[in-house]
PDB file of N, CA and C in Angstrom:
ATOM      1  N   MET A   1      41.380  81.447  30.300  1.00  0.00           N
ATOM      2  CA  MET A   1      42.282  80.513  30.908  1.00  0.00           C
ATOM      3  C   MET A   1      42.170  79.179  30.167  1.00  0.00           C
ATOM      4  N   ALA A   2      43.289  78.644  29.830  1.00  0.00           N
ATOM      5  CA  ALA A   2      43.323  77.382  29.080  1.00  0.00           C
ATOM      6  C   ALA A   2      43.015  76.213  30.010  1.00  0.00           C
ATOM      7  N   SER A   3      42.279  75.259  29.481  1.00  0.00           N
ATOM      8  CA  SER A   3      41.971  74.090  30.305  1.00  0.00           C
ATOM      9  C   SER A   3      43.145  73.125  30.251  1.00  0.00           C
ATOM     10  N   PRO A   4      43.430  72.476  31.360  1.00  0.00           N
ATOM     11  CA  PRO A   4      44.549  71.525  31.373  1.00  0.00           C
ATOM     12  C   PRO A   4      44.244  70.346  30.461  1.00  0.00           C
ATOM     13  N   THR A   5      45.249  69.863  29.812  1.00  0.00           N
ATOM     14  CA  THR A   5      45.050  68.701  28.949  1.00  0.00           C
ATOM     15  C   THR A   5      45.054  67.443  29.809  1.00  0.00           C
ATOM     16  N   SER A   6      44.233  66.531  29.437  1.00  0.00           N
ATOM     17  CA  SER A   6      44.190  65.273  30.192  1.00  0.00           C
ATOM     18  C   SER A   6      44.454  64.121  29.244  1.00  0.00           C
ATOM     19  N   THR A   7      45.104  63.129  29.754  1.00  0.00           N
ATOM     20  CA  THR A   7      45.372  61.945  28.956  1.00  0.00           C
ATOM     21  C   THR A   7      44.237  60.958  29.167  1.00  0.00           C
ATOM     22  N   PRO A   8      43.883  60.231  28.129  1.00  0.00           N
ATOM     23  CA  PRO A   8      42.789  59.263  28.305  1.00  0.00           C
ATOM     24  C   PRO A   8      43.186  58.161  29.282  1.00  0.00           C
ATOM     25  N   ALA A   9      42.194  57.684  29.994  1.00  0.00           N
ATOM     26  CA  ALA A   9      42.452  56.610  30.955  1.00  0.00           C
ATOM     27  C   ALA A   9      42.865  55.350  30.220  1.00  0.00           C
ATOM     28  N   VAL A  10      43.925  54.756  30.685  1.00  0.00           N
ATOM     29  CA  VAL A  10      44.419  53.516  30.097  1.00  0.00           C
ATOM     30  C   VAL A  10      44.157  52.396  31.080  1.00  0.00           C
ATOM     31  N   PRO A  11      43.459  51.344  30.654  1.00  0.00           N
ATOM     32  CA  PRO A  11      43.222  50.249  31.598  1.00  0.00           C
ATOM     33  C   PRO A  11      44.530  49.594  32.014  1.00  0.00           C
ATOM     34  N   VAL A  12      44.656  49.393  33.301  1.00  0.00           N
ATOM     35  CA  VAL A  12      45.862  48.772  33.853  1.00  0.00           C
ATOM     36  C   VAL A  12      45.471  47.418  34.427  1.00  0.00           C
ATOM     37  N   LYS A  13      46.184  46.406  34.043  1.00  0.00           N
ATOM     38  CA  LYS A  13      45.909  45.072  34.584  1.00  0.00           C
ATOM     39  C   LYS A  13      46.495  44.970  35.986  1.00  0.00           C
ATOM     40  N   SER A  14      45.674  44.557  36.908  1.00  0.00           N
ATOM     41  CA  SER A  14      46.095  44.409  38.291  1.00  0.00           C
ATOM     42  C   SER A  14      46.405  42.945  38.571  1.00  0.00           C
ATOM     43  N   ASP A  15      47.243  42.716  39.537  1.00  0.00           N
ATOM     44  CA  ASP A  15      47.557  41.357  39.952  1.00  0.00           C
ATOM     45  C   ASP A  15      46.641  40.884  41.071  1.00  0.00           C
ATOM     46  N   ILE A  16      45.568  41.645  41.312  1.00  0.00           N
ATOM     47  CA  ILE A  16      44.624  41.269  42.363  1.00  0.00           C
ATOM     48  C   ILE A  16      43.588  40.312  41.784  1.00  0.00           C
ATOM     49  N   THR A  17      43.330  39.251  42.502  1.00  0.00           N
ATOM     50  CA  THR A  17      42.315  38.273  42.118  1.00  0.00           C
ATOM     51  C   THR A  17      41.327  38.141  43.270  1.00  0.00           C
ATOM     52  N   LEU A  18      40.040  38.099  42.949  1.00  0.00           N
ATOM     53  CA  LEU A  18      39.007  37.887  43.961  1.00  0.00           C
ATOM     54  C   LEU A  18      38.477  36.471  43.831  1.00  0.00           C
ATOM     55  N   LYS A  19      38.297  35.803  44.967  1.00  0.00           N
ATOM     56  CA  LYS A  19      37.751  34.442  44.966  1.00  0.00           C
ATOM     57  C   LYS A  19      36.680  34.333  46.043  1.00  0.00           C
ATOM     58  N   ILE A  20      35.655  33.574  45.735  1.00  0.00           N
ATOM     59  CA  ILE A  20      34.602  33.305  46.713  1.00  0.00           C
ATOM     60  C   ILE A  20      35.033  32.093  47.529  1.00  0.00           C
ATOM     61  N   ILE A  21      35.027  32.257  48.846  1.00  0.00           N
ATOM     62  CA  ILE A  21      35.457  31.191  49.738  1.00  0.00           C
ATOM     63  C   ILE A  21      34.246  30.696  50.518  1.00  0.00           C
ATOM     64  N   THR A  22      34.099  29.396  50.590  1.00  0.00           N
ATOM     65  CA  THR A  22      33.025  28.788  51.374  1.00  0.00           C
ATOM     66  C   THR A  22      33.659  27.782  52.332  1.00  0.00           C
ATOM     67  N   GLN A  23      32.831  27.165  53.122  1.00  0.00           N
ATOM     68  CA  GLN A  23      33.317  26.133  54.042  1.00  0.00           C
ATOM     69  C   GLN A  23      34.000  25.010  53.264  1.00  0.00           C
ATOM     70  N   ARG A  24      33.527  24.752  52.054  1.00  0.00           N
ATOM     71  CA  ARG A  24      34.066  23.653  51.258  1.00  0.00           C
ATOM     72  C   ARG A  24      35.489  23.897  50.779  1.00  0.00           C
ATOM     73  N   ASN A  25      35.818  25.138  50.415  1.00  0.00           N
ATOM     74  CA  ASN A  25      37.162  25.365  49.881  1.00  0.00           C
ATOM     75  C   ASN A  25      38.054  26.184  50.814  1.00  0.00           C
ATOM     76  N   ALA A  26      37.606  26.416  52.034  1.00  0.00           N
ATOM     77  CA  ALA A  26      38.466  27.072  53.024  1.00  0.00           C
ATOM     78  C   ALA A  26      39.376  26.012  53.639  1.00  0.00           C
ATOM     79  N   ASN A  27      40.542  26.430  54.086  1.00  0.00           N
ATOM     80  CA  ASN A  27      41.455  25.501  54.755  1.00  0.00           C
ATOM     81  C   ASN A  27      42.120  26.242  55.911  1.00  0.00           C
ATOM     82  N   PRO A  28      42.713  25.529  56.848  1.00  0.00           N
ATOM     83  CA  PRO A  28      43.303  26.195  58.018  1.00  0.00           C
ATOM     84  C   PRO A  28      44.368  27.241  57.657  1.00  0.00           C
ATOM     85  N   LYS A  29      45.172  26.982  56.640  1.00  0.00           N
ATOM     86  CA  LYS A  29      46.209  27.943  56.263  1.00  0.00           C
ATOM     87  C   LYS A  29      45.573  29.250  55.781  1.00  0.00           C
ATOM     88  N   LEU A  30      44.510  29.142  54.980  1.00  0.00           N
ATOM     89  CA  LEU A  30      43.823  30.327  54.477  1.00  0.00           C
ATOM     90  C   LEU A  30      43.139  31.077  55.613  1.00  0.00           C
ATOM     91  N   THR A  31      42.390  30.365  56.450  1.00  0.00           N
ATOM     92  CA  THR A  31      41.682  31.056  57.527  1.00  0.00           C
ATOM     93  C   THR A  31      42.651  31.697  58.508  1.00  0.00           C
ATOM     94  N   ASN A  32      43.777  31.051  58.781  1.00  0.00           N
ATOM     95  CA  ASN A  32      44.784  31.672  59.655  1.00  0.00           C
ATOM     96  C   ASN A  32      45.315  32.964  59.046  1.00  0.00           C
ATOM     97  N   ARG A  33      45.559  32.960  57.742  1.00  0.00           N
ATOM     98  CA  ARG A  33      46.047  34.172  57.067  1.00  0.00           C
ATOM     99  C   ARG A  33      44.991  35.274  57.112  1.00  0.00           C
ATOM    100  N   LEU A  34      43.727  34.929  56.892  1.00  0.00           N
ATOM    101  CA  LEU A  34      42.660  35.927  56.947  1.00  0.00           C
ATOM    102  C   LEU A  34      42.521  36.513  58.352  1.00  0.00           C
ATOM    103  N   LEU A  35      42.676  35.675  59.359  1.00  0.00           N
ATOM    104  CA  LEU A  35      42.624  36.167  60.741  1.00  0.00           C
ATOM    105  C   LEU A  35      43.794  37.088  61.027  1.00  0.00           C
ATOM    106  N   GLU A  36      44.956  36.755  60.492  1.00  0.00           N
ATOM    107  CA  GLU A  36      46.139  37.612  60.643  1.00  0.00           C
ATOM    108  C   GLU A  36      45.895  38.983  60.004  1.00  0.00           C
ATOM    109  N   VAL A  37      45.314  38.980  58.807  1.00  0.00           N
ATOM    110  CA  VAL A  37      45.010  40.231  58.102  1.00  0.00           C
ATOM    111  C   VAL A  37      44.014  41.064  58.908  1.00  0.00           C
ATOM    112  N   ALA A  38      42.939  40.433  59.378  1.00  0.00           N
ATOM    113  CA  ALA A  38      41.889  41.158  60.109  1.00  0.00           C
ATOM    114  C   ALA A  38      42.396  41.709  61.439  1.00  0.00           C
ATOM    115  N   THR A  39      43.101  40.891  62.201  1.00  0.00           N
ATOM    116  CA  THR A  39      43.565  41.369  63.509  1.00  0.00           C
ATOM    117  C   THR A  39      44.605  42.470  63.355  1.00  0.00           C
ATOM    118  N   THR A  40      45.440  42.384  62.339  1.00  0.00           N
ATOM    119  CA  THR A  40      46.426  43.438  62.102  1.00  0.00           C
ATOM    120  C   THR A  40      45.735  44.724  61.660  1.00  0.00           C
ATOM    121  N   ALA A  41      44.747  44.606  60.788  1.00  0.00           N
ATOM    122  CA  ALA A  41      44.053  45.784  60.275  1.00  0.00           C
ATOM    123  C   ALA A  41      43.289  46.520  61.371  1.00  0.00           C
ATOM    124  N   PHE A  42      42.726  45.786  62.313  1.00  0.00           N
ATOM    125  CA  PHE A  42      41.878  46.409  63.328  1.00  0.00           C
ATOM    126  C   PHE A  42      42.514  46.470  64.711  1.00  0.00           C
ATOM    127  N   ARG A  43      43.813  46.209  64.793  1.00  0.00           N
ATOM    128  CA  ARG A  43      44.479  46.202  66.098  1.00  0.00           C
ATOM    129  C   ARG A  43      44.328  47.541  66.829  1.00  0.00           C
ATOM    130  N   ASP A  44      44.501  48.632  66.119  1.00  0.00           N
ATOM    131  CA  ASP A  44      44.427  49.947  66.759  1.00  0.00           C
ATOM    132  C   ASP A  44      43.170  50.723  66.395  1.00  0.00           C
ATOM    133  N   ASP A  45      42.223  50.079  65.768  1.00  0.00           N
ATOM    134  CA  ASP A  45      40.988  50.744  65.364  1.00  0.00           C
ATOM    135  C   ASP A  45      40.105  50.966  66.588  1.00  0.00           C
ATOM    136  N   GLN A  46      39.738  52.220  66.816  1.00  0.00           N
ATOM    137  CA  GLN A  46      38.959  52.550  68.004  1.00  0.00           C
ATOM    138  C   GLN A  46      37.532  52.023  67.947  1.00  0.00           C
ATOM    139  N   THR A  47      37.027  51.703  66.748  1.00  0.00           N
ATOM    140  CA  THR A  47      35.682  51.147  66.684  1.00  0.00           C
ATOM    141  C   THR A  47      35.627  49.758  67.310  1.00  0.00           C
ATOM    142  N   PHE A  48      36.775  49.080  67.375  1.00  0.00           N
ATOM    143  CA  PHE A  48      36.812  47.785  68.037  1.00  0.00           C
ATOM    144  C   PHE A  48      37.257  47.929  69.492  1.00  0.00           C
ATOM    145  N   GLY A  49      37.684  49.095  69.884  1.00  0.00           N
ATOM    146  CA  GLY A  49      38.122  49.325  71.253  1.00  0.00           C
ATOM    147  C   GLY A  49      37.016  49.131  72.266  1.00  0.00           C
ATOM    148  N   TRP A  50      35.827  49.597  71.944  1.00  0.00           N
ATOM    149  CA  TRP A  50      34.713  49.439  72.882  1.00  0.00           C
ATOM    150  C   TRP A  50      34.281  47.987  72.970  1.00  0.00           C
ATOM    151  N   ARG A  51      34.440  47.251  71.873  1.00  0.00           N
ATOM    152  CA  ARG A  51      34.009  45.857  71.847  1.00  0.00           C
ATOM    153  C   ARG A  51      34.968  44.956  72.607  1.00  0.00           C
ATOM    154  N   TYR A  52      36.256  45.250  72.458  1.00  0.00           N
ATOM    155  CA  TYR A  52      37.261  44.441  73.147  1.00  0.00           C
ATOM    156  C   TYR A  52      38.414  45.346  73.588  1.00  0.00           C
ATOM    157  N   PRO A  53      38.261  46.045  74.708  1.00  0.00           N
ATOM    158  CA  PRO A  53      39.248  47.039  75.120  1.00  0.00           C
ATOM    159  C   PRO A  53      40.613  46.462  75.520  1.00  0.00           C
ATOM    160  N   THR A  54      40.684  45.186  75.847  1.00  0.00           N
ATOM    161  CA  THR A  54      41.967  44.598  76.263  1.00  0.00           C
ATOM    162  C   THR A  54      42.626  43.800  75.140  1.00  0.00           C
ATOM    163  N   ARG A  55      42.364  44.208  73.906  1.00  0.00           N
ATOM    164  CA  ARG A  55      42.898  43.462  72.756  1.00  0.00           C
ATOM    165  C   ARG A  55      44.410  43.513  72.672  1.00  0.00           C
ATOM    166  N   HIS A  56      45.028  44.577  73.209  1.00  0.00           N
ATOM    167  CA  HIS A  56      46.491  44.662  73.184  1.00  0.00           C
ATOM    168  C   HIS A  56      47.120  43.735  74.231  1.00  0.00           C
ATOM    169  N   GLU A  57      46.473  43.615  75.374  1.00  0.00           N
ATOM    170  CA  GLU A  57      46.994  42.733  76.426  1.00  0.00           C
ATOM    171  C   GLU A  57      46.750  41.253  76.109  1.00  0.00           C
ATOM    172  N   TYR A  58      45.656  40.974  75.403  1.00  0.00           N
ATOM    173  CA  TYR A  58      45.291  39.586  75.085  1.00  0.00           C
ATOM    174  C   TYR A  58      45.039  39.432  73.583  1.00  0.00           C
ATOM    175  N   PRO A  59      46.088  39.458  72.774  1.00  0.00           N
ATOM    176  CA  PRO A  59      45.889  39.393  71.319  1.00  0.00           C
ATOM    177  C   PRO A  59      45.240  38.089  70.855  1.00  0.00           C
ATOM    178  N   ALA A  60      45.447  36.999  71.583  1.00  0.00           N
ATOM    179  CA  ALA A  60      44.820  35.730  71.188  1.00  0.00           C
ATOM    180  C   ALA A  60      43.301  35.817  71.312  1.00  0.00           C
ATOM    181  N   HIS A  61      42.824  36.554  72.307  1.00  0.00           N
ATOM    182  CA  HIS A  61      41.383  36.720  72.478  1.00  0.00           C
ATOM    183  C   HIS A  61      40.816  37.590  71.357  1.00  0.00           C
ATOM    184  N   HIS A  62      41.576  38.612  70.975  1.00  0.00           N
ATOM    185  CA  HIS A  62      41.167  39.494  69.874  1.00  0.00           C
ATOM    186  C   HIS A  62      41.063  38.677  68.577  1.00  0.00           C
ATOM    187  N   ARG A  63      42.032  37.823  68.358  1.00  0.00           N
ATOM    188  CA  ARG A  63      42.034  36.949  67.172  1.00  0.00           C
ATOM    189  C   ARG A  63      40.839  35.995  67.222  1.00  0.00           C
ATOM    190  N   HIS A  64      40.547  35.474  68.400  1.00  0.00           N
ATOM    191  CA  HIS A  64      39.424  34.553  68.550  1.00  0.00           C
ATOM    192  C   HIS A  64      38.102  35.241  68.207  1.00  0.00           C
ATOM    193  N   MET A  65      37.977  36.521  68.548  1.00  0.00           N
ATOM    194  CA  MET A  65      36.774  37.273  68.215  1.00  0.00           C
ATOM    195  C   MET A  65      36.577  37.289  66.691  1.00  0.00           C
ATOM    196  N   PHE A  66      37.655  37.538  65.945  1.00  0.00           N
ATOM    197  CA  PHE A  66      37.546  37.528  64.491  1.00  0.00           C
ATOM    198  C   PHE A  66      37.285  36.119  63.970  1.00  0.00           C
ATOM    199  N   TRP A  67      37.839  35.121  64.627  1.00  0.00           N
ATOM    200  CA  TRP A  67      37.572  33.746  64.200  1.00  0.00           C
ATOM    201  C   TRP A  67      36.088  33.424  64.343  1.00  0.00           C
ATOM    202  N   ARG A  68      35.465  33.910  65.409  1.00  0.00           N
ATOM    203  CA  ARG A  68      34.030  33.668  65.584  1.00  0.00           C
ATOM    204  C   ARG A  68      33.240  34.307  64.451  1.00  0.00           C
ATOM    205  N   TYR A  69      33.605  35.537  64.069  1.00  0.00           N
ATOM    206  CA  TYR A  69      32.925  36.189  62.941  1.00  0.00           C
ATOM    207  C   TYR A  69      33.135  35.401  61.652  1.00  0.00           C
ATOM    208  N   LEU A  70      34.394  35.157  61.306  1.00  0.00           N
ATOM    209  CA  LEU A  70      34.726  34.494  60.039  1.00  0.00           C
ATOM    210  C   LEU A  70      34.192  33.062  60.013  1.00  0.00           C
ATOM    211  N   GLY A  71      34.338  32.355  61.103  1.00  0.00           N
ATOM    212  CA  GLY A  71      33.843  30.977  61.160  1.00  0.00           C
ATOM    213  C   GLY A  71      32.345  30.901  60.933  1.00  0.00           C
ATOM    214  N   ASN A  72      31.592  31.800  61.567  1.00  0.00           N
ATOM    215  CA  ASN A  72      30.142  31.832  61.372  1.00  0.00           C
ATOM    216  C   ASN A  72      29.787  32.203  59.934  1.00  0.00           C
ATOM    217  N   GLU A  73      30.557  33.132  59.366  1.00  0.00           N
ATOM    218  CA  GLU A  73      30.277  33.562  57.995  1.00  0.00           C
ATOM    219  C   GLU A  73      30.576  32.458  56.992  1.00  0.00           C
ATOM    220  N   LEU A  74      31.624  31.678  57.227  1.00  0.00           N
ATOM    221  CA  LEU A  74      31.940  30.582  56.316  1.00  0.00           C
ATOM    222  C   LEU A  74      30.880  29.480  56.376  1.00  0.00           C
ATOM    223  N   LEU A  75      30.247  29.311  57.529  1.00  0.00           N
ATOM    224  CA  LEU A  75      29.242  28.260  57.695  1.00  0.00           C
ATOM    225  C   LEU A  75      27.853  28.679  57.225  1.00  0.00           C
ATOM    226  N   ASP A  76      27.631  29.971  57.063  1.00  0.00           N
ATOM    227  CA  ASP A  76      26.315  30.476  56.693  1.00  0.00           C
ATOM    228  C   ASP A  76      26.197  30.571  55.170  1.00  0.00           C
ATOM    229  N   PRO A  77      25.317  29.776  54.543  1.00  0.00           N
ATOM    230  CA  PRO A  77      25.225  29.809  53.084  1.00  0.00           C
ATOM    231  C   PRO A  77      24.655  31.107  52.517  1.00  0.00           C
ATOM    232  N   THR A  78      24.090  31.967  53.366  1.00  0.00           N
ATOM    233  CA  THR A  78      23.566  33.240  52.862  1.00  0.00           C
ATOM    234  C   THR A  78      24.631  34.325  52.824  1.00  0.00           C
ATOM    235  N   ILE A  79      25.813  34.038  53.350  1.00  0.00           N
ATOM    236  CA  ILE A  79      26.899  35.023  53.388  1.00  0.00           C
ATOM    237  C   ILE A  79      27.996  34.607  52.418  1.00  0.00           C
ATOM    238  N   TRP A  80      28.468  35.544  51.646  1.00  0.00           N
ATOM    239  CA  TRP A  80      29.549  35.315  50.690  1.00  0.00           C
ATOM    240  C   TRP A  80      30.826  35.893  51.279  1.00  0.00           C
ATOM    241  N   VAL A  81      31.856  35.093  51.373  1.00  0.00           N
ATOM    242  CA  VAL A  81      33.165  35.567  51.818  1.00  0.00           C
ATOM    243  C   VAL A  81      34.026  35.692  50.565  1.00  0.00           C
ATOM    244  N   VAL A  82      34.443  36.924  50.263  1.00  0.00           N
ATOM    245  CA  VAL A  82      35.244  37.197  49.069  1.00  0.00           C
ATOM    246  C   VAL A  82      36.652  37.555  49.529  1.00  0.00           C
ATOM    247  N   VAL A  83      37.634  36.810  49.045  1.00  0.00           N
ATOM    248  CA  VAL A  83      39.029  37.007  49.452  1.00  0.00           C
ATOM    249  C   VAL A  83      39.801  37.628  48.301  1.00  0.00           C
ATOM    250  N   ALA A  84      40.611  38.647  48.627  1.00  0.00           N
ATOM    251  CA  ALA A  84      41.475  39.294  47.635  1.00  0.00           C
ATOM    252  C   ALA A  84      42.876  38.708  47.753  1.00  0.00           C
ATOM    253  N   TYR A  85      43.440  38.334  46.612  1.00  0.00           N
ATOM    254  CA  TYR A  85      44.787  37.762  46.546  1.00  0.00           C
ATOM    255  C   TYR A  85      45.682  38.647  45.699  1.00  0.00           C
ATOM    256  N   ILE A  86      46.953  38.718  46.056  1.00  0.00           N
ATOM    257  CA  ILE A  86      47.976  39.363  45.238  1.00  0.00           C
ATOM    258  C   ILE A  86      49.063  38.334  45.012  1.00  0.00           C
ATOM    259  N   LYS A  87      49.596  38.323  43.792  1.00  0.00           N
ATOM    260  CA  LYS A  87      50.688  37.386  43.501  1.00  0.00           C
ATOM    261  C   LYS A  87      51.990  37.943  44.038  1.00  0.00           C
ATOM    262  N   ASP A  88      52.687  37.135  44.811  1.00  0.00           N
ATOM    263  CA  ASP A  88      53.988  37.481  45.369  1.00  0.00           C
ATOM    264  C   ASP A  88      54.959  36.395  44.940  1.00  0.00           C
ATOM    265  N   ASN A  89      55.855  36.736  44.026  1.00  0.00           N
ATOM    266  CA  ASN A  89      56.801  35.757  43.459  1.00  0.00           C
ATOM    267  C   ASN A  89      56.070  34.545  42.888  1.00  0.00           C
ATOM    268  N   GLY A  90      54.956  34.807  42.198  1.00  0.00           N
ATOM    269  CA  GLY A  90      54.211  33.736  41.557  1.00  0.00           C
ATOM    270  C   GLY A  90      53.264  32.978  42.458  1.00  0.00           C
ATOM    271  N   ILE A  91      53.221  33.314  43.740  1.00  0.00           N
ATOM    272  CA  ILE A  91      52.351  32.618  44.696  1.00  0.00           C
ATOM    273  C   ILE A  91      51.230  33.577  45.111  1.00  0.00           C
ATOM    274  N   GLU A  92      49.987  33.089  45.081  1.00  0.00           N
ATOM    275  CA  GLU A  92      48.868  33.913  45.513  1.00  0.00           C
ATOM    276  C   GLU A  92      48.844  34.015  47.039  1.00  0.00           C
ATOM    277  N   VAL A  93      48.839  35.253  47.526  1.00  0.00           N
ATOM    278  CA  VAL A  93      48.822  35.508  48.969  1.00  0.00           C
ATOM    279  C   VAL A  93      47.549  36.286  49.300  1.00  0.00           C
ATOM    280  N   PRO A  94      46.716  35.786  50.230  1.00  0.00           N
ATOM    281  CA  PRO A  94      45.522  36.534  50.623  1.00  0.00           C
ATOM    282  C   PRO A  94      45.919  37.817  51.351  1.00  0.00           C
ATOM    283  N   VAL A  95      45.333  38.942  50.932  1.00  0.00           N
ATOM    284  CA  VAL A  95      45.669  40.230  51.540  1.00  0.00           C
ATOM    285  C   VAL A  95      44.456  40.936  52.134  1.00  0.00           C
ATOM    286  N   GLY A  96      43.290  40.361  51.985  1.00  0.00           N
ATOM    287  CA  GLY A  96      42.099  40.971  52.560  1.00  0.00           C
ATOM    288  C   GLY A  96      40.871  40.141  52.248  1.00  0.00           C
ATOM    289  N   TYR A  97      39.803  40.433  52.960  1.00  0.00           N
ATOM    290  CA  TYR A  97      38.553  39.746  52.657  1.00  0.00           C
ATOM    291  C   TYR A  97      37.378  40.640  53.027  1.00  0.00           C
ATOM    292  N   SER A  98      36.253  40.330  52.440  1.00  0.00           N
ATOM    293  CA  SER A  98      35.021  41.027  52.776  1.00  0.00           C
ATOM    294  C   SER A  98      33.907  39.990  52.874  1.00  0.00           C
ATOM    295  N   THR A  99      32.853  40.354  53.537  1.00  0.00           N
ATOM    296  CA  THR A  99      31.702  39.463  53.634  1.00  0.00           C
ATOM    297  C   THR A  99      30.481  40.197  53.093  1.00  0.00           C
ATOM    298  N   TRP A 100      29.678  39.480  52.369  1.00  0.00           N
ATOM    299  CA  TRP A 100      28.495  40.061  51.734  1.00  0.00           C
ATOM    300  C   TRP A 100      27.291  39.186  52.032  1.00  0.00           C
ATOM    301  N   GLN A 101      26.177  39.849  52.311  1.00  0.00           N
ATOM    302  CA  GLN A 101      24.931  39.124  52.513  1.00  0.00           C
ATOM    303  C   GLN A 101      23.815  39.906  51.828  1.00  0.00           C
ATOM    304  N   ARG A 102      23.061  39.213  51.002  1.00  0.00           N
ATOM    305  CA  ARG A 102      21.977  39.869  50.281  1.00  0.00           C
ATOM    306  C   ARG A 102      20.875  40.257  51.261  1.00  0.00           C
ATOM    307  N   ARG A 103      20.333  41.434  51.066  1.00  0.00           N
ATOM    308  CA  ARG A 103      19.227  41.922  51.893  1.00  0.00           C
ATOM    309  C   ARG A 103      17.987  42.063  51.026  1.00  0.00           C
ATOM    310  N   GLY A 104      16.841  41.872  51.614  1.00  0.00           N
ATOM    311  CA  GLY A 104      15.600  42.084  50.890  1.00  0.00           C
ATOM    312  C   GLY A 104      15.073  40.828  50.231  1.00  0.00           C
ATOM    313  N   PRO A 105      14.054  41.014  49.386  1.00  0.00           N
ATOM    314  CA  PRO A 105      13.440  39.848  48.739  1.00  0.00           C
ATOM    315  C   PRO A 105      14.421  39.178  47.773  1.00  0.00           C
ATOM    316  N   GLY A 106      14.252  37.889  47.606  1.00  0.00           N
ATOM    317  CA  GLY A 106      15.105  37.154  46.680  1.00  0.00           C
ATOM    318  C   GLY A 106      16.287  36.477  47.341  1.00  0.00           C
ATOM    319  N   THR A 107      16.391  36.562  48.649  1.00  0.00           N
ATOM    320  CA  THR A 107      17.525  35.962  49.349  1.00  0.00           C
ATOM    321  C   THR A 107      17.579  34.458  49.135  1.00  0.00           C
ATOM    322  N   ALA A 108      16.451  33.787  49.284  1.00  0.00           N
ATOM    323  CA  ALA A 108      16.440  32.328  49.136  1.00  0.00           C
ATOM    324  C   ALA A 108      16.850  31.918  47.731  1.00  0.00           C
ATOM    325  N   GLU A 109      16.396  32.638  46.717  1.00  0.00           N
ATOM    326  CA  GLU A 109      16.749  32.340  45.335  1.00  0.00           C
ATOM    327  C   GLU A 109      18.244  32.517  45.108  1.00  0.00           C
ATOM    328  N   ALA A 110      18.829  33.548  45.697  1.00  0.00           N
ATOM    329  CA  ALA A 110      20.269  33.795  45.533  1.00  0.00           C
ATOM    330  C   ALA A 110      21.084  32.687  46.189  1.00  0.00           C
ATOM    331  N   VAL A 111      20.655  32.199  47.324  1.00  0.00           N
ATOM    332  CA  VAL A 111      21.386  31.152  48.034  1.00  0.00           C
ATOM    333  C   VAL A 111      21.298  29.840  47.277  1.00  0.00           C
ATOM    334  N   LYS A 112      20.134  29.549  46.706  1.00  0.00           N
ATOM    335  CA  LYS A 112      19.925  28.287  46.007  1.00  0.00           C
ATOM    336  C   LYS A 112      20.952  28.092  44.880  1.00  0.00           C
ATOM    337  N   GLY A 113      21.290  29.141  44.164  1.00  0.00           N
ATOM    338  CA  GLY A 113      22.215  29.021  43.040  1.00  0.00           C
ATOM    339  C   GLY A 113      23.660  29.296  43.382  1.00  0.00           C
ATOM    340  N   ARG A 114      23.961  29.501  44.619  1.00  0.00           N
ATOM    341  CA  ARG A 114      25.305  29.939  44.983  1.00  0.00           C
ATOM    342  C   ARG A 114      26.399  28.943  44.621  1.00  0.00           C
ATOM    343  N   ASP A 115      26.201  27.682  44.889  1.00  0.00           N
ATOM    344  CA  ASP A 115      27.282  26.725  44.734  1.00  0.00           C
ATOM    345  C   ASP A 115      27.315  26.030  43.378  1.00  0.00           C
ATOM    346  N   ASN A 116      26.651  26.572  42.378  1.00  0.00           N
ATOM    347  CA  ASN A 116      26.796  25.926  41.084  1.00  0.00           C
ATOM    348  C   ASN A 116      27.613  26.791  40.129  1.00  0.00           C
ATOM    349  N   TRP A 117      27.038  27.669  39.357  1.00  0.00           N
ATOM    350  CA  TRP A 117      27.825  28.389  38.353  1.00  0.00           C
ATOM    351  C   TRP A 117      28.850  29.330  38.951  1.00  0.00           C
ATOM    352  N   LEU A 118      28.600  29.924  40.104  1.00  0.00           N
ATOM    353  CA  LEU A 118      29.584  30.846  40.680  1.00  0.00           C
ATOM    354  C   LEU A 118      30.817  30.136  41.205  1.00  0.00           C
ATOM    355  N   GLN A 119      30.674  28.885  41.536  1.00  0.00           N
ATOM    356  CA  GLN A 119      31.817  28.152  42.058  1.00  0.00           C
ATOM    357  C   GLN A 119      32.690  27.573  40.946  1.00  0.00           C
ATOM    358  N   SER A 120      32.242  27.678  39.707  1.00  0.00           N
ATOM    359  CA  SER A 120      33.052  27.136  38.614  1.00  0.00           C
ATOM    360  C   SER A 120      34.330  27.953  38.459  1.00  0.00           C
ATOM    361  N   LYS A 121      35.331  27.348  37.891  1.00  0.00           N
ATOM    362  CA  LYS A 121      36.631  27.997  37.744  1.00  0.00           C
ATOM    363  C   LYS A 121      36.524  29.270  36.912  1.00  0.00           C
ATOM    364  N   LEU A 122      35.607  29.288  35.950  1.00  0.00           N
ATOM    365  CA  LEU A 122      35.462  30.451  35.092  1.00  0.00           C
ATOM    366  C   LEU A 122      35.131  31.703  35.898  1.00  0.00           C
ATOM    367  N   TYR A 123      34.274  31.590  36.900  1.00  0.00           N
ATOM    368  CA  TYR A 123      33.829  32.756  37.652  1.00  0.00           C
ATOM    369  C   TYR A 123      34.547  32.960  38.974  1.00  0.00           C
ATOM    370  N   LEU A 124      35.317  31.982  39.431  1.00  0.00           N
ATOM    371  CA  LEU A 124      36.012  32.142  40.708  1.00  0.00           C
ATOM    372  C   LEU A 124      37.167  33.125  40.617  1.00  0.00           C
ATOM    373  N   ASN A 125      37.942  33.084  39.555  1.00  0.00           N
ATOM    374  CA  ASN A 125      39.087  33.983  39.412  1.00  0.00           C
ATOM    375  C   ASN A 125      38.662  35.200  38.610  1.00  0.00           C
ATOM    376  N   ILE A 126      38.401  36.284  39.310  1.00  0.00           N
ATOM    377  CA  ILE A 126      37.934  37.502  38.670  1.00  0.00           C
ATOM    378  C   ILE A 126      39.027  38.555  38.787  1.00  0.00           C
ATOM    379  N   PRO A 127      39.834  38.768  37.742  1.00  0.00           N
ATOM    380  CA  PRO A 127      40.852  39.815  37.840  1.00  0.00           C
ATOM    381  C   PRO A 127      40.198  41.192  37.824  1.00  0.00           C
ATOM    382  N   ILE A 128      40.764  42.109  38.574  1.00  0.00           N
ATOM    383  CA  ILE A 128      40.232  43.471  38.635  1.00  0.00           C
ATOM    384  C   ILE A 128      40.982  44.329  37.637  1.00  0.00           C
TER     385      ILE A 128
END
């Protein structure tokens, strides 16, 4: 039996950009958009159903729950909030975010250097 031919992988440039967001460079418009993304993504997720079963009846309360998470994460220097952006008609629009926290030894060392070289423009815009 002949093996199927495969074409070599060709790198494709994506319009997705990742940026590290901290309390210093977050703004109300960005945080509102991130809350919109999170509440929409988890509106019908059953893993959040046990935590807040009346989220459909009280969507503002559901949004507030995510604000408490995101707000605490933005204020905590040991947590990295990474936001994904896609260009829409030339404008960067946040479409998702993740939070990262280092575990294990070396946490203090990682936090100490967080706001210097990683915050520079060279490393903030990381195309995928």
